Amino acid sequence: MSEASRITPRHLILATDLAARTDRAFDRAVRLARRWDARLLIVHAVEESLRSQEPSWRRGADPVETARRKLQFDYPGWEGVDSAIEVRKGKAQDIILEAAARENTELIITGIARENPYGRDELGDVVPALAKHAPCPVLVVKKRIATGPRRVVVASDLTDASHAALDLALGLFGPGRLTLFNAFDIPYRSMVGDRDALERSMRPGVLEECKAVLVDAAGESVAAQVEIIAELGAPAPILAKLVADRDIDLVVTGTYGHTGVMDVLLGSTAMEIMAEVPCDVLVARRKR
């Protein structure tokens, strides 16, 4: 990939619900804004509740102003960053998506609902909605990383629908720190007698396909710098083990699934990846 093809986002959104765990996403957004000299819009939605039906004297402080003050005073460290705060009442994903479209946002940064260090993380409702409908990539922050990602895995099913993830990863990070991962499978695999023999027979062909995808995306010289891993089985659990074993910082995925339909995909493989891997996940904007 040529230097001209590198990507430097200039318009970022941090989508935050102000919970304690979201400080990781906040820190990451500020670091990225500084690194890229980007504008950062911090968006928070105040969900309507039954309290809105109570008399005004029982409602207490205005929740919009309370949230705005919390952002201004409880989240230090973004002094000097070109930034703005947007707090509005309404459904979170609607407010975030409207802001992203209006601001020509190039990356949305957010966190998860709940971290489970011993199993699947809870993504909540907003992350899947953003991944389905956002006009730009979505970075789901789980880890604390002081610097940029050292090791990045691109999850690809080798179809045109998943090339957006590879293009995005190459544009952001270059080839030197990338691993291209593919989980290959066959129908009714459980009925096959010798799994190891099946894997040995299929892997060379899959590796060649992976290499061809890399060459097509970036050329021979760039492709030669990218490690390729191909494993037999379901992508999410294999990726989770790979991330843990190699201390991977980021998994980049896109429309991972042979249908190429994001709404269907996010009910299966990509959602599994986002929930199971113990690292940040960058969901590439699907190509139309």
Protein backbone atom coordinates (compact mmCIF):
# COMPACT_ATOMS: atom_id res chain seq x y z
CA MET A 1 0.00 0.00 0.00
CA SER A 2 1.42 3.36 -1.00
CA GLU A 3 1.93 6.16 1.46
CA ALA A 4 -0.81 8.11 -0.33
CA SER A 5 -3.28 5.39 0.62
CA ARG A 6 -2.72 5.80 4.36
CA ILE A 7 -5.71 6.97 6.39
CA THR A 8 -5.72 9.77 8.97
CA PRO A 9 -9.21 10.45 10.37
CA ARG A 10 -9.88 14.12 11.11
CA HIS A 11 -13.40 13.95 12.56
CA LEU A 12 -14.07 11.65 15.54
CA ILE A 13 -17.04 10.98 17.78
CA LEU A 14 -16.83 9.57 21.29
CA ALA A 15 -20.16 7.99 22.21
CA THR A 16 -20.33 7.70 25.99
CA ASP A 17 -22.98 6.79 28.55
CA LEU A 18 -20.85 8.30 31.37
CA ALA A 19 -20.56 4.99 33.23
CA ALA A 20 -17.29 4.38 35.10
CA ARG A 21 -16.01 1.79 32.61
CA THR A 22 -16.21 4.27 29.72
CA ASP A 23 -13.09 6.08 30.87
CA ARG A 24 -11.09 3.69 28.64
CA ALA A 25 -12.98 4.82 25.55
CA PHE A 26 -12.62 8.44 26.68
CA ASP A 27 -8.85 8.12 27.10
CA ARG A 28 -8.53 6.41 23.72
CA ALA A 29 -10.58 9.06 21.94
CA VAL A 30 -8.46 11.86 23.39
CA ARG A 31 -5.22 10.09 22.47
CA LEU A 32 -6.39 9.51 18.90
CA ALA A 33 -7.57 13.09 18.54
CA ARG A 34 -4.14 14.32 19.63
CA ARG A 35 -2.27 11.85 17.43
CA TRP A 36 -4.26 12.66 14.31
CA ASP A 37 -4.84 16.35 15.10
CA ALA A 38 -8.53 15.53 14.75
CA ARG A 39 -11.69 17.22 15.95
CA LEU A 40 -13.46 15.27 18.70
CA LEU A 41 -17.20 15.50 19.33
CA ILE A 42 -18.26 13.92 22.63
CA VAL A 43 -21.86 12.71 22.40
CA HIS A 44 -24.09 11.64 25.28
CA ALA A 45 -27.78 10.79 25.11
CA VAL A 46 -30.12 11.29 28.05
CA GLU A 47 -32.72 8.57 27.71
CA GLU A 48 -36.31 9.59 28.44
CA SER A 49 -37.75 7.93 31.53
CA LEU A 50 -40.86 7.81 33.66
CA ARG A 51 -39.44 10.70 35.64
CA SER A 52 -40.32 13.00 32.73
CA GLN A 53 -43.98 12.41 33.61
CA GLU A 54 -43.52 13.64 37.17
CA PRO A 55 -44.18 17.24 38.28
CA SER A 56 -41.21 19.50 37.61
CA TRP A 57 -40.58 20.09 41.31
CA ARG A 58 -39.95 16.34 41.81
CA ARG A 59 -37.61 15.78 38.89
CA GLY A 60 -34.53 17.37 40.38
CA ALA A 61 -31.74 18.85 38.29
CA ASP A 62 -31.97 18.98 34.52
CA PRO A 63 -30.33 15.70 33.38
CA VAL A 64 -28.92 17.32 30.25
CA GLU A 65 -27.10 19.98 32.23
CA THR A 66 -26.01 17.43 34.83
CA ALA A 67 -24.47 15.25 32.11
CA ARG A 68 -22.80 18.23 30.50
CA ARG A 69 -21.21 19.28 33.81
CA LYS A 70 -20.05 15.73 34.44
CA LEU A 71 -18.31 15.64 31.08
CA GLN A 72 -16.68 19.00 31.67
CA PHE A 73 -15.41 18.37 35.19
CA ASP A 74 -15.19 14.59 35.73
CA TYR A 75 -13.33 13.74 32.52
CA PRO A 76 -10.09 15.75 32.55
CA GLY A 77 -7.25 15.45 30.08
CA TRP A 78 -8.72 16.79 26.85
CA GLU A 79 -7.46 20.34 27.26
CA GLY A 80 -5.99 21.57 24.01
CA VAL A 81 -7.97 19.10 21.90
CA ASP A 82 -10.26 20.59 19.27
CA SER A 83 -13.45 19.30 20.85
CA ALA A 84 -17.10 19.90 21.57
CA ILE A 85 -19.79 18.35 23.77
CA GLU A 86 -23.25 17.37 22.56
CA VAL A 87 -25.79 16.22 25.16
CA ARG A 88 -29.36 15.64 24.01
CA LYS A 89 -32.46 13.80 25.11
CA GLY A 90 -33.46 10.78 23.08
CA LYS A 91 -32.48 7.28 22.05
CA ALA A 92 -28.70 6.90 22.16
CA GLN A 93 -28.13 5.28 18.78
CA ASP A 94 -30.38 7.81 17.02
CA ILE A 95 -28.54 10.78 18.49
CA ILE A 96 -25.10 9.29 17.77
CA LEU A 97 -25.96 8.33 14.19
CA GLU A 98 -27.49 11.74 13.49
CA ALA A 99 -24.38 13.47 14.82
CA ALA A 100 -22.08 11.19 12.81
CA ALA A 101 -23.93 11.93 9.58
CA ARG A 102 -24.09 15.66 10.27
CA GLU A 103 -20.41 15.98 11.18
CA ASN A 104 -19.05 13.74 8.39
CA THR A 105 -17.50 11.60 11.13
CA GLU A 106 -14.72 9.22 10.08
CA LEU A 107 -14.56 7.12 13.26
CA ILE A 108 -16.94 6.49 16.17
CA ILE A 109 -15.33 5.41 19.45
CA THR A 110 -17.38 3.73 22.15
CA GLY A 111 -17.24 1.10 24.90
CA ILE A 112 -19.12 -2.02 25.93
CA ALA A 113 -21.96 -2.43 28.39
CA ARG A 114 -20.10 -4.79 30.71
CA GLU A 115 -16.72 -6.53 30.71
CA ASN A 116 -16.43 -10.19 31.66
CA PRO A 117 -12.75 -11.21 32.02
CA TYR A 118 -13.72 -14.89 32.10
CA GLY A 119 -16.17 -15.08 29.21
CA ARG A 120 -18.34 -13.11 26.80
CA ASP A 121 -18.57 -9.35 27.21
CA GLU A 122 -21.97 -7.66 27.13
CA LEU A 123 -22.15 -5.29 24.17
CA GLY A 124 -25.44 -3.65 25.09
CA ASP A 125 -27.85 -2.27 22.51
CA VAL A 126 -25.89 0.70 21.18
CA VAL A 127 -22.78 -1.09 19.84
CA PRO A 128 -24.71 -3.45 17.52
CA ALA A 129 -26.88 -0.58 16.30
CA LEU A 130 -23.83 1.57 15.50
CA ALA A 131 -22.06 -1.30 13.76
CA LYS A 132 -25.12 -1.92 11.59
CA HIS A 133 -25.96 1.63 10.66
CA ALA A 134 -23.00 3.99 11.22
CA PRO A 135 -21.68 5.80 8.12
CA CYS A 136 -18.10 5.15 9.29
CA PRO A 137 -16.00 2.57 11.18
CA VAL A 138 -16.78 1.92 14.85
CA LEU A 139 -14.02 1.30 17.42
CA VAL A 140 -15.22 -0.70 20.43
CA VAL A 141 -12.72 -0.07 23.24
CA LYS A 142 -12.06 -2.77 25.85
CA LYS A 143 -8.38 -2.46 26.79
CA ARG A 144 -6.16 0.23 28.23
CA ILE A 145 -3.40 0.92 25.72
CA ALA A 146 -0.84 3.63 26.37
CA THR A 147 0.38 3.71 22.76
CA GLY A 148 -1.00 2.70 19.38
CA PRO A 149 -1.84 -0.98 18.82
CA ARG A 150 1.29 -3.11 18.52
CA ARG A 151 -0.40 -6.20 17.07
CA VAL A 152 -3.48 -6.11 14.86
CA VAL A 153 -5.49 -9.04 13.49
CA VAL A 154 -7.75 -8.61 10.46
CA ALA A 155 -10.58 -11.16 10.45
CA SER A 156 -11.62 -11.95 6.88
CA ASP A 157 -13.81 -14.54 5.19
CA LEU A 158 -12.09 -13.77 1.85
CA THR A 159 -15.25 -12.47 0.18
CA ASP A 160 -15.60 -9.00 -1.33
CA ALA A 161 -17.84 -8.06 1.58
CA SER A 162 -15.00 -8.39 4.09
CA HIS A 163 -12.33 -6.52 2.13
CA ALA A 164 -13.32 -3.26 3.83
CA ALA A 165 -11.71 -4.50 7.05
CA LEU A 166 -8.42 -5.26 5.30
CA ASP A 167 -8.38 -1.94 3.44
CA LEU A 168 -9.08 -0.04 6.66
CA ALA A 169 -6.39 -1.87 8.64
CA LEU A 170 -3.78 -1.34 5.93
CA GLY A 171 -4.71 2.33 5.68
CA LEU A 172 -4.52 2.97 9.41
CA PHE A 173 -1.58 0.80 10.45
CA GLY A 174 0.35 -0.32 7.39
CA PRO A 175 1.29 -3.97 6.83
CA GLY A 176 4.11 -4.45 9.33
CA ARG A 177 2.00 -5.16 12.41
CA LEU A 178 -0.89 -6.96 10.68
CA THR A 179 -1.98 -10.59 10.75
CA LEU A 180 -4.68 -11.76 8.33
CA PHE A 181 -6.89 -14.38 9.97
CA ASN A 182 -9.32 -16.74 8.30
CA ALA A 183 -11.41 -19.47 9.90
CA PHE A 184 -12.39 -22.00 7.27
CA ASP A 185 -15.02 -24.67 7.64
CA ILE A 186 -17.20 -27.11 5.75
CA PRO A 187 -20.83 -28.14 6.26
CA TYR A 188 -21.35 -31.11 8.59
CA ARG A 189 -17.74 -30.95 9.80
CA SER A 190 -18.72 -32.85 12.95
CA MET A 191 -19.42 -35.89 10.78
CA VAL A 192 -15.88 -35.93 9.36
CA GLY A 193 -13.77 -38.65 10.92
CA ASP A 194 -10.24 -37.22 10.94
CA ARG A 195 -10.35 -33.52 11.74
CA ASP A 196 -6.56 -33.10 11.66
CA ALA A 197 -6.32 -34.67 8.22
CA LEU A 198 -9.12 -32.42 6.95
CA GLU A 199 -7.37 -29.34 8.31
CA ARG A 200 -4.04 -30.31 6.77
CA SER A 201 -5.64 -30.91 3.39
CA MET A 202 -7.60 -27.63 3.33
CA ARG A 203 -5.12 -25.20 4.88
CA PRO A 204 -2.69 -24.81 1.91
CA GLY A 205 -5.49 -23.79 -0.42
CA VAL A 206 -6.92 -21.33 2.10
CA LEU A 207 -3.49 -19.78 2.67
CA GLU A 208 -3.12 -19.26 -1.07
CA GLU A 209 -6.53 -17.59 -1.19
CA CYS A 210 -5.52 -15.31 1.68
CA LYS A 211 -2.31 -14.35 -0.08
CA ALA A 212 -4.21 -13.61 -3.28
CA VAL A 213 -6.57 -11.31 -1.39
CA LEU A 214 -3.60 -9.45 0.10
CA VAL A 215 -1.88 -9.10 -3.25
CA ASP A 216 -5.09 -7.83 -4.82
CA ALA A 217 -5.56 -5.30 -2.01
CA ALA A 218 -2.04 -3.96 -1.70
CA GLY A 219 0.44 -5.63 -4.06
CA GLU A 220 3.14 -8.27 -3.69
CA SER A 221 5.59 -6.28 -1.56
CA VAL A 222 2.97 -5.30 1.02
CA ALA A 223 1.42 -8.78 1.07
CA ALA A 224 4.81 -10.28 1.89
CA GLN A 225 4.89 -8.30 5.16
CA VAL A 226 1.54 -9.61 6.48
CA GLU A 227 1.38 -12.83 8.48
CA ILE A 228 -1.42 -15.21 7.50
CA ILE A 229 -3.19 -17.58 9.89
CA ALA A 230 -5.84 -20.04 8.70
CA GLU A 231 -7.61 -22.35 11.14
CA LEU A 232 -10.42 -24.87 10.87
CA GLY A 233 -13.44 -23.98 13.00
CA ALA A 234 -15.69 -21.16 14.15
CA PRO A 235 -14.00 -17.72 13.97
CA ALA A 236 -14.91 -16.17 17.34
CA PRO A 237 -13.54 -18.78 19.77
CA ILE A 238 -10.38 -19.30 17.70
CA LEU A 239 -9.81 -15.54 17.53
CA ALA A 240 -10.39 -15.21 21.27
CA LYS A 241 -7.67 -17.77 21.95
CA LEU A 242 -5.31 -16.15 19.43
CA VAL A 243 -5.84 -12.73 21.01
CA ALA A 244 -5.14 -14.08 24.50
CA ASP A 245 -2.12 -16.17 23.48
CA ARG A 246 -0.43 -13.41 21.47
CA ASP A 247 -1.57 -10.40 23.49
CA ILE A 248 -3.29 -8.90 20.44
CA ASP A 249 -4.37 -5.27 20.86
CA LEU A 250 -6.97 -4.95 18.11
CA VAL A 251 -9.17 -7.11 15.88
CA VAL A 252 -10.49 -5.49 12.70
CA THR A 253 -13.56 -7.06 11.16
CA GLY A 254 -16.21 -6.14 8.64
CA THR A 255 -19.07 -7.94 7.01
CA TYR A 256 -17.76 -11.32 8.10
CA GLY A 257 -20.09 -13.88 6.56
CA HIS A 258 -20.83 -15.30 3.16
CA THR A 259 -24.12 -13.45 2.85
CA GLY A 260 -22.41 -10.06 2.94
CA VAL A 261 -25.50 -8.68 4.66
CA MET A 262 -24.55 -6.72 7.76
CA ASP A 263 -27.88 -7.11 9.54
CA VAL A 264 -27.70 -10.89 9.25
CA LEU A 265 -23.99 -10.94 10.00
CA LEU A 266 -24.27 -9.01 13.24
CA GLY A 267 -26.68 -11.60 14.54
CA SER A 268 -23.99 -14.23 14.15
CA THR A 269 -20.27 -14.14 13.43
CA ALA A 270 -19.33 -10.48 13.86
CA MET A 271 -21.36 -10.18 17.05
CA GLU A 272 -19.65 -13.29 18.36
CA ILE A 273 -16.25 -11.79 17.57
CA MET A 274 -17.06 -8.50 19.29
CA ALA A 275 -18.39 -10.27 22.38
CA GLU A 276 -15.73 -12.96 22.74
CA VAL A 277 -12.36 -11.42 21.92
CA PRO A 278 -10.65 -9.81 24.97
CA CYS A 279 -9.34 -6.80 23.05
CA ASP A 280 -10.56 -3.78 21.13
CA VAL A 281 -12.59 -4.42 17.98
CA LEU A 282 -12.73 -2.10 14.98
CA VAL A 283 -15.77 -2.73 12.76
CA ALA A 284 -15.13 -1.52 9.23
CA ARG A 285 -17.81 0.35 7.38
CA ARG A 286 -19.31 -2.00 4.85
CA LYS A 287 -18.77 -1.31 1.18
CA ARG A 288 -21.92 -0.61 -0.79
